[in-house]
Structures are given as C-alpha cells and as structure tokens.
Amino acid sequence: MIITSVAGTAVGLIAVALVIGWNYGAMFTLFPATTITYFGASAQGSNYGLLFTAWGLAGFAGPFIGGYLADSTGGYAASFYVAAAVMALSVLLLYVAKPPEKIKA
C-alpha cells in the first residue's frame, strides 16, 4: 500500500496527514453547496441534516468495519480495497443519479 510505505517516515506521515486534513476540511464547504444545488434551497435544511447524519454514522461504523476486516484478514489491505470499492460505487451513483424535480414554493 502506498500510504503505509510513505507514512513510515516522519515526513511521509506529516505529508499524508496534511493531505487527509486538507480534504477533510474541504468537505464542510462542499456539503452545503452540493446539497443546495442538488435539492434546492427549500429543502436544504432537512437534507443537509440527513447528509450529516449519514456522514456521522459512516464515521462511526467505518473504523469498526475496517478493524474487523483487518482482524479477519491479518492486514489492512482488505479494508482499503473495500473502502476503494465503496468510493467507486459512490462516484458511479453520482453520475447515474438525477436531481429531483424542484417544487416551486
């Protein structure tokens, strides 16, 4: 795995942590904008709450699933492959899903 080989040094660990932190912070600006663009301003509050709930549940369940896979297989490679597959599925769903019809208030 690239991350484990790069993060084996102090400089590599700092570089990986900076990239992950940079992407983590960017989500908080993209979530509201994406929600309002996709669903419209009238449904922004409820849909943003659902988005954040799903994000929180994934943040809670992800480490448990990753740890279970690591314990079951003896390494973290399976965890990264499952995470990559989930991300690929998410990108596919992004291109397949169409925005709902906006209702005029």
PDB file of N, CA and C in Angstrom:
ATOM      1  N   MET A   1       0.835  -1.176   0.000  1.00  0.00           N
ATOM      2  CA  MET A   1       0.000   0.000   0.000  1.00  0.00           C
ATOM      3  C   MET A   1       0.883   1.243   0.000  1.00  0.00           C
ATOM      4  N   ILE A   2       0.460   2.213  -0.737  1.00  0.00           N
ATOM      5  CA  ILE A   2       1.233   3.434  -0.870  1.00  0.00           C
ATOM      6  C   ILE A   2       1.253   4.223   0.431  1.00  0.00           C
ATOM      7  N   ILE A   3       0.096   4.343   1.088  1.00  0.00           N
ATOM      8  CA  ILE A   3       0.032   5.146   2.309  1.00  0.00           C
ATOM      9  C   ILE A   3       0.934   4.570   3.383  1.00  0.00           C
ATOM     10  N   THR A   4       0.920   3.265   3.580  1.00  0.00           N
ATOM     11  CA  THR A   4       1.743   2.685   4.637  1.00  0.00           C
ATOM     12  C   THR A   4       3.225   2.801   4.325  1.00  0.00           C
ATOM     13  N   SER A   5       3.619   2.750   3.060  1.00  0.00           N
ATOM     14  CA  SER A   5       5.039   2.886   2.748  1.00  0.00           C
ATOM     15  C   SER A   5       5.495   4.339   2.859  1.00  0.00           C
ATOM     16  N   VAL A   6       4.640   5.282   2.495  1.00  0.00           N
ATOM     17  CA  VAL A   6       5.001   6.701   2.598  1.00  0.00           C
ATOM     18  C   VAL A   6       4.964   7.161   4.042  1.00  0.00           C
ATOM     19  N   ALA A   7       3.951   6.733   4.790  1.00  0.00           N
ATOM     20  CA  ALA A   7       3.780   7.196   6.160  1.00  0.00           C
ATOM     21  C   ALA A   7       4.728   6.509   7.131  1.00  0.00           C
ATOM     22  N   GLY A   8       5.630   5.675   6.643  1.00  0.00           N
ATOM     23  CA  GLY A   8       6.596   5.009   7.507  1.00  0.00           C
ATOM     24  C   GLY A   8       7.660   5.947   8.041  1.00  0.00           C
ATOM     25  N   THR A   9       7.802   7.119   7.453  1.00  0.00           N
ATOM     26  CA  THR A   9       8.757   8.119   7.924  1.00  0.00           C
ATOM     27  C   THR A   9       7.989   9.291   8.530  1.00  0.00           C
ATOM     28  N   ALA A  10       8.665  10.087   9.308  1.00  0.00           N
ATOM     29  CA  ALA A  10       8.008  11.243   9.940  1.00  0.00           C
ATOM     30  C   ALA A  10       7.537  12.246   8.887  1.00  0.00           C
ATOM     31  N   VAL A  11       8.355  12.518   7.887  1.00  0.00           N
ATOM     32  CA  VAL A  11       7.985  13.467   6.838  1.00  0.00           C
ATOM     33  C   VAL A  11       6.815  12.907   6.023  1.00  0.00           C
ATOM     34  N   GLY A  12       6.852  11.626   5.718  1.00  0.00           N
ATOM     35  CA  GLY A  12       5.763  10.999   4.974  1.00  0.00           C
ATOM     36  C   GLY A  12       4.461  11.029   5.751  1.00  0.00           C
ATOM     37  N   LEU A  13       4.537  10.758   7.050  1.00  0.00           N
ATOM     38  CA  LEU A  13       3.344  10.794   7.893  1.00  0.00           C
ATOM     39  C   LEU A  13       2.739  12.193   7.928  1.00  0.00           C
ATOM     40  N   ILE A  14       3.574  13.197   8.036  1.00  0.00           N
ATOM     41  CA  ILE A  14       3.089  14.574   8.040  1.00  0.00           C
ATOM     42  C   ILE A  14       2.445  14.914   6.703  1.00  0.00           C
ATOM     43  N   ALA A  15       3.066  14.484   5.606  1.00  0.00           N
ATOM     44  CA  ALA A  15       2.507  14.769   4.278  1.00  0.00           C
ATOM     45  C   ALA A  15       1.146  14.101   4.103  1.00  0.00           C
ATOM     46  N   VAL A  16       1.027  12.846   4.497  1.00  0.00           N
ATOM     47  CA  VAL A  16      -0.253  12.139   4.380  1.00  0.00           C
ATOM     48  C   VAL A  16      -1.302  12.788   5.277  1.00  0.00           C
ATOM     49  N   ALA A  17      -0.929  13.159   6.494  1.00  0.00           N
ATOM     50  CA  ALA A  17      -1.867  13.808   7.408  1.00  0.00           C
ATOM     51  C   ALA A  17      -2.337  15.159   6.860  1.00  0.00           C
ATOM     52  N   LEU A  18      -1.449  15.902   6.226  1.00  0.00           N
ATOM     53  CA  LEU A  18      -1.843  17.185   5.635  1.00  0.00           C
ATOM     54  C   LEU A  18      -2.820  16.998   4.476  1.00  0.00           C
ATOM     55  N   VAL A  19      -2.579  16.013   3.633  1.00  0.00           N
ATOM     56  CA  VAL A  19      -3.485  15.761   2.504  1.00  0.00           C
ATOM     57  C   VAL A  19      -4.856  15.323   3.014  1.00  0.00           C
ATOM     58  N   ILE A  20      -4.880  14.433   3.991  1.00  0.00           N
ATOM     59  CA  ILE A  20      -6.157  13.977   4.546  1.00  0.00           C
ATOM     60  C   ILE A  20      -6.872  15.135   5.244  1.00  0.00           C
ATOM     61  N   GLY A  21      -6.171  15.924   6.011  1.00  0.00           N
ATOM     62  CA  GLY A  21      -6.771  17.071   6.692  1.00  0.00           C
ATOM     63  C   GLY A  21      -7.287  18.118   5.720  1.00  0.00           C
ATOM     64  N   TRP A  22      -6.565  18.337   4.637  1.00  0.00           N
ATOM     65  CA  TRP A  22      -6.995  19.300   3.628  1.00  0.00           C
ATOM     66  C   TRP A  22      -8.305  18.837   2.990  1.00  0.00           C
ATOM     67  N   ASN A  23      -8.396  17.573   2.658  1.00  0.00           N
ATOM     68  CA  ASN A  23      -9.623  17.040   2.069  1.00  0.00           C
ATOM     69  C   ASN A  23     -10.765  17.022   3.084  1.00  0.00           C
ATOM     70  N   TYR A  24     -10.465  16.743   4.315  1.00  0.00           N
ATOM     71  CA  TYR A  24     -11.485  16.714   5.366  1.00  0.00           C
ATOM     72  C   TYR A  24     -12.104  18.087   5.539  1.00  0.00           C
ATOM     73  N   GLY A  25     -11.301  19.113   5.565  1.00  0.00           N
ATOM     74  CA  GLY A  25     -11.807  20.472   5.720  1.00  0.00           C
ATOM     75  C   GLY A  25     -12.598  20.946   4.515  1.00  0.00           C
ATOM     76  N   ALA A  26     -12.246  20.484   3.337  1.00  0.00           N
ATOM     77  CA  ALA A  26     -12.946  20.895   2.121  1.00  0.00           C
ATOM     78  C   ALA A  26     -14.380  20.375   2.097  1.00  0.00           C
ATOM     79  N   MET A  27     -14.624  19.259   2.761  1.00  0.00           N
ATOM     80  CA  MET A  27     -15.979  18.690   2.768  1.00  0.00           C
ATOM     81  C   MET A  27     -16.981  19.653   3.395  1.00  0.00           C
ATOM     82  N   PHE A  28     -16.582  20.375   4.398  1.00  0.00           N
ATOM     83  CA  PHE A  28     -17.517  21.252   5.096  1.00  0.00           C
ATOM     84  C   PHE A  28     -17.932  22.448   4.250  1.00  0.00           C
ATOM     85  N   THR A  29     -17.181  22.771   3.226  1.00  0.00           N
ATOM     86  CA  THR A  29     -17.616  23.800   2.298  1.00  0.00           C
ATOM     87  C   THR A  29     -18.389  23.205   1.130  1.00  0.00           C
ATOM     88  N   LEU A  30     -18.106  21.962   0.789  1.00  0.00           N
ATOM     89  CA  LEU A  30     -18.782  21.335  -0.346  1.00  0.00           C
ATOM     90  C   LEU A  30     -20.143  20.755   0.014  1.00  0.00           C
ATOM     91  N   PHE A  31     -20.311  20.241   1.219  1.00  0.00           N
ATOM     92  CA  PHE A  31     -21.587  19.625   1.610  1.00  0.00           C
ATOM     93  C   PHE A  31     -22.767  20.588   1.479  1.00  0.00           C
ATOM     94  N   PRO A  32     -22.720  21.787   2.060  1.00  0.00           N
ATOM     95  CA  PRO A  32     -23.881  22.677   1.937  1.00  0.00           C
ATOM     96  C   PRO A  32     -24.127  23.129   0.499  1.00  0.00           C
ATOM     97  N   ALA A  33     -23.051  23.437  -0.224  1.00  0.00           N
ATOM     98  CA  ALA A  33     -23.207  23.896  -1.603  1.00  0.00           C
ATOM     99  C   ALA A  33     -23.784  22.804  -2.491  1.00  0.00           C
ATOM    100  N   THR A  34     -23.315  21.592  -2.320  1.00  0.00           N
ATOM    101  CA  THR A  34     -23.821  20.474  -3.115  1.00  0.00           C
ATOM    102  C   THR A  34     -25.267  20.177  -2.773  1.00  0.00           C
ATOM    103  N   THR A  35     -25.601  20.213  -1.509  1.00  0.00           N
ATOM    104  CA  THR A  35     -26.974  19.944  -1.083  1.00  0.00           C
ATOM    105  C   THR A  35     -27.940  20.985  -1.641  1.00  0.00           C
ATOM    106  N   ILE A  36     -27.568  22.231  -1.584  1.00  0.00           N
ATOM    107  CA  ILE A  36     -28.473  23.280  -2.077  1.00  0.00           C
ATOM    108  C   ILE A  36     -28.570  23.244  -3.603  1.00  0.00           C
ATOM    109  N   THR A  37     -27.489  22.901  -4.277  1.00  0.00           N
ATOM    110  CA  THR A  37     -27.524  22.806  -5.734  1.00  0.00           C
ATOM    111  C   THR A  37     -28.364  21.619  -6.180  1.00  0.00           C
ATOM    112  N   TYR A  38     -28.232  20.513  -5.490  1.00  0.00           N
ATOM    113  CA  TYR A  38     -28.918  19.282  -5.898  1.00  0.00           C
ATOM    114  C   TYR A  38     -30.399  19.293  -5.530  1.00  0.00           C
ATOM    115  N   PHE A  39     -30.726  19.703  -4.306  1.00  0.00           N
ATOM    116  CA  PHE A  39     -32.100  19.629  -3.811  1.00  0.00           C
ATOM    117  C   PHE A  39     -32.848  20.956  -3.835  1.00  0.00           C
ATOM    118  N   GLY A  40     -32.139  22.066  -3.916  1.00  0.00           N
ATOM    119  CA  GLY A  40     -32.798  23.366  -3.886  1.00  0.00           C
ATOM    120  C   GLY A  40     -32.787  23.962  -2.490  1.00  0.00           C
ATOM    121  N   ALA A  41     -33.010  25.265  -2.451  1.00  0.00           N
ATOM    122  CA  ALA A  41     -32.916  25.992  -1.175  1.00  0.00           C
ATOM    123  C   ALA A  41     -34.023  25.627  -0.199  1.00  0.00           C
ATOM    124  N   SER A  42     -35.198  25.271  -0.702  1.00  0.00           N
ATOM    125  CA  SER A  42     -36.320  25.000   0.205  1.00  0.00           C
ATOM    126  C   SER A  42     -36.125  23.710   1.005  1.00  0.00           C
ATOM    127  N   ALA A  43     -35.356  22.778   0.477  1.00  0.00           N
ATOM    128  CA  ALA A  43     -35.141  21.505   1.171  1.00  0.00           C
ATOM    129  C   ALA A  43     -33.734  21.395   1.749  1.00  0.00           C
ATOM    130  N   GLN A  44     -33.004  22.488   1.754  1.00  0.00           N
ATOM    131  CA  GLN A  44     -31.603  22.439   2.171  1.00  0.00           C
ATOM    132  C   GLN A  44     -31.428  22.030   3.617  1.00  0.00           C
ATOM    133  N   GLY A  45     -32.232  22.547   4.511  1.00  0.00           N
ATOM    134  CA  GLY A  45     -32.058  22.277   5.939  1.00  0.00           C
ATOM    135  C   GLY A  45     -32.239  20.814   6.295  1.00  0.00           C
ATOM    136  N   SER A  46     -33.311  20.210   5.842  1.00  0.00           N
ATOM    137  CA  SER A  46     -33.562  18.810   6.190  1.00  0.00           C
ATOM    138  C   SER A  46     -32.590  17.874   5.488  1.00  0.00           C
ATOM    139  N   ASN A  47     -32.285  18.142   4.237  1.00  0.00           N
ATOM    140  CA  ASN A  47     -31.371  17.263   3.507  1.00  0.00           C
ATOM    141  C   ASN A  47     -29.936  17.388   4.001  1.00  0.00           C
ATOM    142  N   TYR A  48     -29.543  18.584   4.413  1.00  0.00           N
ATOM    143  CA  TYR A  48     -28.208  18.755   4.968  1.00  0.00           C
ATOM    144  C   TYR A  48     -28.086  18.012   6.296  1.00  0.00           C
ATOM    145  N   GLY A  49     -29.164  18.012   7.078  1.00  0.00           N
ATOM    146  CA  GLY A  49     -29.166  17.242   8.323  1.00  0.00           C
ATOM    147  C   GLY A  49     -29.040  15.751   8.072  1.00  0.00           C
ATOM    148  N   LEU A  50     -29.751  15.257   7.071  1.00  0.00           N
ATOM    149  CA  LEU A  50     -29.639  13.837   6.710  1.00  0.00           C
ATOM    150  C   LEU A  50     -28.244  13.500   6.206  1.00  0.00           C
ATOM    151  N   LEU A  51     -27.665  14.394   5.425  1.00  0.00           N
ATOM    152  CA  LEU A  51     -26.311  14.179   4.914  1.00  0.00           C
ATOM    153  C   LEU A  51     -25.312  14.084   6.060  1.00  0.00           C
ATOM    154  N   PHE A  52     -25.441  14.989   7.027  1.00  0.00           N
ATOM    155  CA  PHE A  52     -24.512  14.969   8.153  1.00  0.00           C
ATOM    156  C   PHE A  52     -24.739  13.756   9.052  1.00  0.00           C
ATOM    157  N   THR A  53     -25.984  13.308   9.171  1.00  0.00           N
ATOM    158  CA  THR A  53     -26.259  12.098   9.948  1.00  0.00           C
ATOM    159  C   THR A  53     -25.608  10.887   9.294  1.00  0.00           C
ATOM    160  N   ALA A  54     -25.753  10.774   7.980  1.00  0.00           N
ATOM    161  CA  ALA A  54     -25.122   9.667   7.260  1.00  0.00           C
ATOM    162  C   ALA A  54     -23.606   9.735   7.382  1.00  0.00           C
ATOM    163  N   TRP A  55     -23.057  10.934   7.307  1.00  0.00           N
ATOM    164  CA  TRP A  55     -21.612  11.119   7.437  1.00  0.00           C
ATOM    165  C   TRP A  55     -21.135  10.684   8.832  1.00  0.00           C
ATOM    166  N   GLY A  56     -21.906  11.046   9.853  1.00  0.00           N
ATOM    167  CA  GLY A  56     -21.549  10.656  11.221  1.00  0.00           C
ATOM    168  C   GLY A  56     -21.639   9.159  11.441  1.00  0.00           C
ATOM    169  N   LEU A  57     -22.687   8.540  10.913  1.00  0.00           N
ATOM    170  CA  LEU A  57     -22.818   7.088  11.044  1.00  0.00           C
ATOM    171  C   LEU A  57     -21.690   6.359  10.324  1.00  0.00           C
ATOM    172  N   ALA A  58     -21.324   6.847   9.147  1.00  0.00           N
ATOM    173  CA  ALA A  58     -20.213   6.240   8.413  1.00  0.00           C
ATOM    174  C   ALA A  58     -18.896   6.416   9.177  1.00  0.00           C
ATOM    175  N   GLY A  59     -18.721   7.574   9.798  1.00  0.00           N
ATOM    176  CA  GLY A  59     -17.521   7.809  10.589  1.00  0.00           C
ATOM    177  C   GLY A  59     -17.455   6.930  11.826  1.00  0.00           C
ATOM    178  N   PHE A  60     -18.611   6.534  12.326  1.00  0.00           N
ATOM    179  CA  PHE A  60     -18.662   5.653  13.488  1.00  0.00           C
ATOM    180  C   PHE A  60     -18.485   4.183  13.080  1.00  0.00           C
ATOM    181  N   ALA A  61     -19.182   3.771  11.996  1.00  0.00           N
ATOM    182  CA  ALA A  61     -19.161   2.366  11.586  1.00  0.00           C
ATOM    183  C   ALA A  61     -17.904   1.996  10.794  1.00  0.00           C
ATOM    184  N   GLY A  62     -17.354   2.950  10.048  1.00  0.00           N
ATOM    185  CA  GLY A  62     -16.191   2.659   9.197  1.00  0.00           C
ATOM    186  C   GLY A  62     -15.000   2.068   9.935  1.00  0.00           C
ATOM    187  N   PRO A  63     -14.566   2.667  11.040  1.00  0.00           N
ATOM    188  CA  PRO A  63     -13.434   2.095  11.764  1.00  0.00           C
ATOM    189  C   PRO A  63     -13.719   0.692  12.316  1.00  0.00           C
ATOM    190  N   PHE A  64     -14.949   0.447  12.726  1.00  0.00           N
ATOM    191  CA  PHE A  64     -15.280  -0.891  13.217  1.00  0.00           C
ATOM    192  C   PHE A  64     -15.213  -1.921  12.092  1.00  0.00           C
ATOM    193  N   ILE A  65     -15.751  -1.567  10.938  1.00  0.00           N
ATOM    194  CA  ILE A  65     -15.711  -2.488   9.799  1.00  0.00           C
ATOM    195  C   ILE A  65     -14.277  -2.681   9.327  1.00  0.00           C
ATOM    196  N   GLY A  66     -13.520  -1.583   9.246  1.00  0.00           N
ATOM    197  CA  GLY A  66     -12.116  -1.681   8.859  1.00  0.00           C
ATOM    198  C   GLY A  66     -11.312  -2.522   9.836  1.00  0.00           C
ATOM    199  N   GLY A  67     -11.558  -2.347  11.123  1.00  0.00           N
ATOM    200  CA  GLY A  67     -10.867  -3.152  12.133  1.00  0.00           C
ATOM    201  C   GLY A  67     -11.240  -4.617  12.065  1.00  0.00           C
ATOM    202  N   TYR A  68     -12.531  -4.879  11.819  1.00  0.00           N
ATOM    203  CA  TYR A  68     -12.974  -6.270  11.674  1.00  0.00           C
ATOM    204  C   TYR A  68     -12.298  -6.927  10.469  1.00  0.00           C
ATOM    205  N   LEU A  69     -12.247  -6.216   9.355  1.00  0.00           N
ATOM    206  CA  LEU A  69     -11.583  -6.766   8.170  1.00  0.00           C
ATOM    207  C   LEU A  69     -10.093  -6.968   8.420  1.00  0.00           C
ATOM    208  N   ALA A  70      -9.463  -6.043   9.110  1.00  0.00           N
ATOM    209  CA  ALA A  70      -8.040  -6.189   9.412  1.00  0.00           C
ATOM    210  C   ALA A  70      -7.792  -7.384  10.322  1.00  0.00           C
ATOM    211  N   ASP A  71      -8.656  -7.569  11.316  1.00  0.00           N
ATOM    212  CA  ASP A  71      -8.505  -8.717  12.208  1.00  0.00           C
ATOM    213  C   ASP A  71      -8.777 -10.029  11.479  1.00  0.00           C
ATOM    214  N   SER A  72      -9.742 -10.009  10.577  1.00  0.00           N
ATOM    215  CA  SER A  72     -10.121 -11.229   9.860  1.00  0.00           C
ATOM    216  C   SER A  72      -9.073 -11.651   8.845  1.00  0.00           C
ATOM    217  N   THR A  73      -8.441 -10.668   8.197  1.00  0.00           N
ATOM    218  CA  THR A  73      -7.504 -10.992   7.121  1.00  0.00           C
ATOM    219  C   THR A  73      -6.042 -10.885   7.544  1.00  0.00           C
ATOM    220  N   GLY A  74      -5.769 -10.301   8.685  1.00  0.00           N
ATOM    221  CA  GLY A  74      -4.394 -10.179   9.148  1.00  0.00           C
ATOM    222  C   GLY A  74      -3.669  -8.947   8.634  1.00  0.00           C
ATOM    223  N   GLY A  75      -4.372  -8.041   7.987  1.00  0.00           N
ATOM    224  CA  GLY A  75      -3.750  -6.815   7.482  1.00  0.00           C
ATOM    225  C   GLY A  75      -4.823  -5.827   7.071  1.00  0.00           C
ATOM    226  N   TYR A  76      -4.380  -4.636   6.720  1.00  0.00           N
ATOM    227  CA  TYR A  76      -5.326  -3.580   6.375  1.00  0.00           C
ATOM    228  C   TYR A  76      -5.611  -3.483   4.877  1.00  0.00           C
ATOM    229  N   ALA A  77      -5.013  -4.323   4.066  1.00  0.00           N
ATOM    230  CA  ALA A  77      -5.220  -4.249   2.620  1.00  0.00           C
ATOM    231  C   ALA A  77      -6.694  -4.432   2.263  1.00  0.00           C
ATOM    232  N   ALA A  78      -7.371  -5.394   2.872  1.00  0.00           N
ATOM    233  CA  ALA A  78      -8.790  -5.634   2.574  1.00  0.00           C
ATOM    234  C   ALA A  78      -9.634  -4.417   2.949  1.00  0.00           C
ATOM    235  N   SER A  79      -9.286  -3.763   4.047  1.00  0.00           N
ATOM    236  CA  SER A  79     -10.025  -2.568   4.459  1.00  0.00           C
ATOM    237  C   SER A  79      -9.912  -1.467   3.412  1.00  0.00           C
ATOM    238  N   PHE A  80      -8.709  -1.276   2.880  1.00  0.00           N
ATOM    239  CA  PHE A  80      -8.511  -0.255   1.858  1.00  0.00           C
ATOM    240  C   PHE A  80      -9.214  -0.628   0.559  1.00  0.00           C
ATOM    241  N   TYR A  81      -9.216  -1.915   0.208  1.00  0.00           N
ATOM    242  CA  TYR A  81      -9.900  -2.343  -1.014  1.00  0.00           C
ATOM    243  C   TYR A  81     -11.411  -2.161  -0.892  1.00  0.00           C
ATOM    244  N   VAL A  82     -11.969  -2.478   0.263  1.00  0.00           N
ATOM    245  CA  VAL A  82     -13.412  -2.276   0.478  1.00  0.00           C
ATOM    246  C   VAL A  82     -13.734  -0.784   0.440  1.00  0.00           C
ATOM    247  N   ALA A  83     -12.912   0.029   1.063  1.00  0.00           N
ATOM    248  CA  ALA A  83     -13.134   1.481   1.037  1.00  0.00           C
ATOM    249  C   ALA A  83     -13.047   2.005  -0.399  1.00  0.00           C
ATOM    250  N   ALA A  84     -12.093   1.512  -1.182  1.00  0.00           N
ATOM    251  CA  ALA A  84     -11.974   1.937  -2.579  1.00  0.00           C
ATOM    252  C   ALA A  84     -13.202   1.513  -3.384  1.00  0.00           C
ATOM    253  N   ALA A  85     -13.721   0.320  -3.128  1.00  0.00           N
ATOM    254  CA  ALA A  85     -14.915  -0.150  -3.830  1.00  0.00           C
ATOM    255  C   ALA A  85     -16.132   0.701  -3.471  1.00  0.00           C
ATOM    256  N   VAL A  86     -16.269   1.060  -2.200  1.00  0.00           N
ATOM    257  CA  VAL A  86     -17.384   1.915  -1.779  1.00  0.00           C
ATOM    258  C   VAL A  86     -17.261   3.291  -2.432  1.00  0.00           C
ATOM    259  N   MET A  87     -16.053   3.821  -2.509  1.00  0.00           N
ATOM    260  CA  MET A  87     -15.848   5.121  -3.161  1.00  0.00           C
ATOM    261  C   MET A  87     -16.170   5.040  -4.653  1.00  0.00           C
ATOM    262  N   ALA A  88     -15.756   3.959  -5.310  1.00  0.00           N
ATOM    263  CA  ALA A  88     -16.064   3.792  -6.730  1.00  0.00           C
ATOM    264  C   ALA A  88     -17.576   3.700  -6.948  1.00  0.00           C
ATOM    265  N   LEU A  89     -18.257   2.987  -6.080  1.00  0.00           N
ATOM    266  CA  LEU A  89     -19.716   2.902  -6.162  1.00  0.00           C
ATOM    267  C   LEU A  89     -20.351   4.274  -5.962  1.00  0.00           C
ATOM    268  N   SER A  90     -19.812   5.059  -5.057  1.00  0.00           N
ATOM    269  CA  SER A  90     -20.328   6.407  -4.812  1.00  0.00           C
ATOM    270  C   SER A  90     -20.163   7.292  -6.040  1.00  0.00           C
ATOM    271  N   VAL A  91     -19.024   7.200  -6.692  1.00  0.00           N
ATOM    272  CA  VAL A  91     -18.800   8.001  -7.903  1.00  0.00           C
ATOM    273  C   VAL A  91     -19.753   7.559  -9.001  1.00  0.00           C
ATOM    274  N   LEU A  92     -19.965   6.256  -9.135  1.00  0.00           N
ATOM    275  CA  LEU A  92     -20.906   5.741 -10.125  1.00  0.00           C
ATOM    276  C   LEU A  92     -22.325   6.249  -9.843  1.00  0.00           C
ATOM    277  N   LEU A  93     -22.742   6.199  -8.596  1.00  0.00           N
ATOM    278  CA  LEU A  93     -24.068   6.701  -8.224  1.00  0.00           C
ATOM    279  C   LEU A  93     -24.196   8.201  -8.474  1.00  0.00           C
ATOM    280  N   LEU A  94     -23.109   8.930  -8.298  1.00  0.00           N
ATOM    281  CA  LEU A  94     -23.123  10.360  -8.545  1.00  0.00           C
ATOM    282  C   LEU A  94     -23.448  10.658 -10.007  1.00  0.00           C
ATOM    283  N   TYR A  95     -22.898   9.866 -10.911  1.00  0.00           N
ATOM    284  CA  TYR A  95     -23.140  10.098 -12.332  1.00  0.00           C
ATOM    285  C   TYR A  95     -24.475   9.538 -12.807  1.00  0.00           C
ATOM    286  N   VAL A  96     -25.001   8.535 -12.123  1.00  0.00           N
ATOM    287  CA  VAL A  96     -26.263   7.913 -12.524  1.00  0.00           C
ATOM    288  C   VAL A  96     -27.464   8.668 -11.965  1.00  0.00           C
ATOM    289  N   ALA A  97     -27.363   9.152 -10.738  1.00  0.00           N
ATOM    290  CA  ALA A  97     -28.497   9.808 -10.072  1.00  0.00           C
ATOM    291  C   ALA A  97     -28.809  11.146 -10.728  1.00  0.00           C
ATOM    292  N   LYS A  98     -30.066  11.413 -10.837  1.00  0.00           N
ATOM    293  CA  LYS A  98     -30.530  12.695 -11.375  1.00  0.00           C
ATOM    294  C   LYS A  98     -31.133  13.506 -10.233  1.00  0.00           C
ATOM    295  N   PRO A  99     -30.958  14.812 -10.265  1.00  0.00           N
ATOM    296  CA  PRO A  99     -31.539  15.643  -9.201  1.00  0.00           C
ATOM    297  C   PRO A  99     -33.063  15.534  -9.211  1.00  0.00           C
ATOM    298  N   PRO A 100     -33.683  15.594  -8.031  1.00  0.00           N
ATOM    299  CA  PRO A 100     -35.155  15.560  -8.002  1.00  0.00           C
ATOM    300  C   PRO A 100     -35.736  16.823  -8.624  1.00  0.00           C
ATOM    301  N   GLU A 101     -36.967  16.724  -9.069  1.00  0.00           N
ATOM    302  CA  GLU A 101     -37.641  17.876  -9.649  1.00  0.00           C
ATOM    303  C   GLU A 101     -37.879  18.915  -8.562  1.00  0.00           C
ATOM    304  N   LYS A 102     -37.494  20.127  -8.834  1.00  0.00           N
ATOM    305  CA  LYS A 102     -37.653  21.197  -7.843  1.00  0.00           C
ATOM    306  C   LYS A 102     -39.089  21.674  -7.822  1.00  0.00           C
ATOM    307  N   ILE A 103     -39.632  21.806  -6.633  1.00  0.00           N
ATOM    308  CA  ILE A 103     -41.009  22.249  -6.450  1.00  0.00           C
ATOM    309  C   ILE A 103     -40.989  23.751  -6.134  1.00  0.00           C
ATOM    310  N   LYS A 104     -41.760  24.489  -6.873  1.00  0.00           N
ATOM    311  CA  LYS A 104     -41.820  25.947  -6.627  1.00  0.00           C
ATOM    312  C   LYS A 104     -42.670  26.205  -5.388  1.00  0.00           C
ATOM    313  N   ALA A 105     -42.170  27.065  -4.536  1.00  0.00           N
ATOM    314  CA  ALA A 105     -42.896  27.377  -3.299  1.00  0.00           C
ATOM    315  C   ALA A 105     -43.979  28.385  -3.514  1.00  0.00           C
TER     316      ALA A 105
END
